[in-house]
C-alpha atoms as a PDB file:
ATOM      1  CA  MET A   1     123.572 141.444  98.677  1.00  0.00           C
ATOM      2  CA  THR A   2     122.445 144.701  99.881  1.00  0.00           C
ATOM      3  CA  SER A   3     119.044 145.665 100.918  1.00  0.00           C
ATOM      4  CA  ALA A   4     118.508 147.567  97.717  1.00  0.00           C
ATOM      5  CA  ASN A   5     119.191 144.476  95.695  1.00  0.00           C
ATOM      6  CA  SER A   6     116.928 142.261  97.879  1.00  0.00           C
ATOM      7  CA  GLU A   7     114.180 144.764  97.370  1.00  0.00           C
ATOM      8  CA  SER A   8     114.415 144.462  93.704  1.00  0.00           C
ATOM      9  CA  ILE A   9     114.042 140.656  93.676  1.00  0.00           C
ATOM     10  CA  SER A  10     110.511 139.667  92.794  1.00  0.00           C
ATOM     11  CA  PRO A  11     108.875 137.646  95.673  1.00  0.00           C
ATOM     12  CA  ASP A  12     107.735 135.254  92.944  1.00  0.00           C
ATOM     13  CA  LEU A  13     111.389 134.362  92.268  1.00  0.00           C
ATOM     14  CA  LEU A  14     111.924 133.375  95.884  1.00  0.00           C
ATOM     15  CA  ASP A  15     108.895 131.119  95.981  1.00  0.00           C
ATOM     16  CA  ILE A  16     110.365 128.038  94.499  1.00  0.00           C
ATOM     17  CA  SER A  17     108.049 125.117  94.608  1.00  0.00           C
ATOM     18  CA  VAL A  18     109.402 121.573  93.548  1.00  0.00           C
ATOM     19  CA  GLU A  19     106.683 119.538  91.829  1.00  0.00           C
ATOM     20  CA  GLU A  20     106.873 115.817  92.665  1.00  0.00           C
ATOM     21  CA  CYS A  21     107.000 113.534  89.748  1.00  0.00           C
ATOM     22  CA  ILE A  22     104.043 111.087  89.265  1.00  0.00           C
ATOM     23  CA  TYR A  23     104.585 107.760  87.513  1.00  0.00           C
ATOM     24  CA  THR A  24     102.486 104.980  86.081  1.00  0.00           C
ATOM     25  CA  TYR A  25     103.027 101.382  87.231  1.00  0.00           C
ATOM     26  CA  GLU A  26     104.476 100.768  83.761  1.00  0.00           C
ATOM     27  CA  GLN A  27     107.061 103.559  84.192  1.00  0.00           C
ATOM     28  CA  VAL A  28     107.958 102.441  87.625  1.00  0.00           C
ATOM     29  CA  ALA A  29     108.429  98.902  86.334  1.00  0.00           C
ATOM     30  CA  GLU A  30     110.761 100.168  83.628  1.00  0.00           C
ATOM     31  CA  MET A  31     112.609 102.433  86.085  1.00  0.00           C
ATOM     32  CA  THR A  32     113.287  99.631  88.502  1.00  0.00           C
ATOM     33  CA  ALA A  33     113.680  96.743  86.026  1.00  0.00           C
ATOM     34  CA  ILE A  34     110.834  94.791  87.541  1.00  0.00           C
ATOM     35  CA  SER A  35     107.482  93.544  86.089  1.00  0.00           C
ATOM     36  CA  VAL A  36     104.278  95.587  86.205  1.00  0.00           C
ATOM     37  CA  THR A  37     102.810  92.491  87.945  1.00  0.00           C
ATOM     38  CA  LEU A  38     105.318  92.866  90.792  1.00  0.00           C
ATOM     39  CA  VAL A  39     104.429  96.643  91.135  1.00  0.00           C
ATOM     40  CA  GLU A  40     100.847  95.563  91.334  1.00  0.00           C
ATOM     41  CA  ARG A  41     101.752  92.957  93.870  1.00  0.00           C
ATOM     42  CA  PHE A  42     103.352  95.645  96.074  1.00  0.00           C
ATOM     43  CA  VAL A  43     100.209  97.749  95.845  1.00  0.00           C
ATOM     44  CA  SER A  44      97.986  94.622  96.731  1.00  0.00           C
ATOM     45  CA  LEU A  45     100.139  93.860  99.854  1.00  0.00           C
ATOM     46  CA  HIS A  46      99.995  97.680 100.731  1.00  0.00           C
ATOM     47  CA  LEU A  47     103.758  97.859 100.680  1.00  0.00           C
ATOM     48  CA  ILE A  48     103.393 101.010  98.632  1.00  0.00           C
ATOM     49  CA  GLU A  49     100.375 103.223  98.548  1.00  0.00           C
ATOM     50  CA  PRO A  50      99.545 104.859  95.165  1.00  0.00           C
ATOM     51  CA  GLN A  51      97.498 108.006  94.725  1.00  0.00           C
ATOM     52  CA  GLU A  52      94.874 107.315  92.088  1.00  0.00           C
ATOM     53  CA  ALA A  53      96.811 104.462  90.548  1.00  0.00           C
ATOM     54  CA  LYS A  54      99.967 106.564  90.256  1.00  0.00           C
ATOM     55  CA  LEU A  55     103.194 106.412  92.059  1.00  0.00           C
ATOM     56  CA  ARG A  56     105.433 109.115  93.415  1.00  0.00           C
ATOM     57  CA  ASP A  57     109.149 109.488  93.692  1.00  0.00           C
ATOM     58  CA  GLN A  58     109.020 108.022  97.322  1.00  0.00           C
ATOM     59  CA  ASP A  59     107.308 105.071  96.078  1.00  0.00           C
ATOM     60  CA  VAL A  60     109.931 104.455  93.503  1.00  0.00           C
ATOM     61  CA  ALA A  61     112.628 104.926  96.113  1.00  0.00           C
ATOM     62  CA  ARG A  62     110.876 102.512  98.536  1.00  0.00           C
ATOM     63  CA  ILE A  63     110.666  99.850  95.766  1.00  0.00           C
ATOM     64  CA  ALA A  64     114.395 100.322  94.936  1.00  0.00           C
ATOM     65  CA  GLN A  65     115.130  99.896  98.676  1.00  0.00           C
ATOM     66  CA  MET A  66     112.938  96.796  98.944  1.00  0.00           C
ATOM     67  CA  LEU A  67     114.561  95.225  95.860  1.00  0.00           C
ATOM     68  CA  ARG A  68     117.976  95.706  97.351  1.00  0.00           C
ATOM     69  CA  LEU A  69     116.881  94.281 100.795  1.00  0.00           C
ATOM     70  CA  HIS A  70     115.324  91.286  98.953  1.00  0.00           C
ATOM     71  CA  ARG A  71     118.537  90.778  96.752  1.00  0.00           C
ATOM     72  CA  ASP A  72     121.265  91.332  99.418  1.00  0.00           C
ATOM     73  CA  LEU A  73     119.661  89.941 102.465  1.00  0.00           C
ATOM     74  CA  GLY A  74     117.067  87.484 101.173  1.00  0.00           C
ATOM     75  CA  LEU A  75     114.183  89.175 102.772  1.00  0.00           C
ATOM     76  CA  ASN A  76     110.691  88.619 101.457  1.00  0.00           C
ATOM     77  CA  TRP A  77     108.694  91.649 100.312  1.00  0.00           C
ATOM     78  CA  VAL A  78     106.804  92.143 103.540  1.00  0.00           C
ATOM     79  CA  GLY A  79     109.951  91.829 105.557  1.00  0.00           C
ATOM     80  CA  ALA A  80     111.708  94.276 103.520  1.00  0.00           C
ATOM     81  CA  SER A  81     108.883  96.692 103.919  1.00  0.00           C
ATOM     82  CA  MET A  82     108.921  96.197 107.597  1.00  0.00           C
ATOM     83  CA  VAL A  83     112.587  96.947 107.751  1.00  0.00           C
ATOM     84  CA  LEU A  84     112.069 100.265 105.846  1.00  0.00           C
ATOM     85  CA  ASP A  85     109.069 101.151 108.181  1.00  0.00           C
ATOM     86  CA  LEU A  86     111.222 100.493 111.162  1.00  0.00           C
ATOM     87  CA  CYS A  87     114.175 102.492 109.920  1.00  0.00           C
ATOM     88  CA  GLN A  88     111.757 105.383 109.190  1.00  0.00           C
ATOM     89  CA  GLU A  89     110.450 105.150 112.658  1.00  0.00           C
ATOM     90  CA  VAL A  90     114.031 105.153 114.163  1.00  0.00           C
ATOM     91  CA  ALA A  91     114.940 108.254 112.108  1.00  0.00           C
ATOM     92  CA  GLN A  92     111.721 110.062 113.416  1.00  0.00           C
ATOM     93  CA  LEU A  93     112.578 109.137 117.003  1.00  0.00           C
ATOM     94  CA  LYS A  94     116.110 110.264 116.575  1.00  0.00           C
ATOM     95  CA  ALA A  95     114.872 113.652 115.257  1.00  0.00           C
ATOM     96  CA  ARG A  96     112.425 114.080 118.216  1.00  0.00           C
ATOM     97  CA  LEU A  97     115.275 113.126 120.650  1.00  0.00           C
ATOM     98  CA  LYS A  98     117.572 115.730 119.102  1.00  0.00           C
ATOM     99  CA  ALA A  99     114.900 118.392 119.213  1.00  0.00           C
ATOM    100  CA  TYR A 100     114.214 117.561 122.893  1.00  0.00           C
ATOM    101  CA  GLU A 101     117.939 117.674 123.738  1.00  0.00           C
ATOM    102  CA  ASP A 102     118.287 120.980 121.827  1.00  0.00           C
ATOM    103  CA  TYR A 103     115.393 122.296 123.778  1.00  0.00           C
ATOM    104  CA  GLN A 104     116.819 121.226 127.062  1.00  0.00           C
ATOM    105  CA  GLY A 105     119.951 123.019 126.251  1.00  0.00           C
END
């Protein structure tokens, strides 16, 4: 693309924002094939944290991962949540280490 073409592109077209989907407990229960009661239990145990009684894509993904850990490894819900938290922490630490190594050259 030449500079003439890039100047003709509206800045509004380049500012692409992705809206996060918001779901009710009922929608999440249907999406993950679990009961609304189980979704509510996850909330009461603080395994997921809704925003004003609504759940986000990341909450749905977390529920799906907890269901897999529960089914495949026999972990209880709190244990599955702890595994996910530790995996997230390891990923963050790896990213920090990589940034440090890149900085050191």
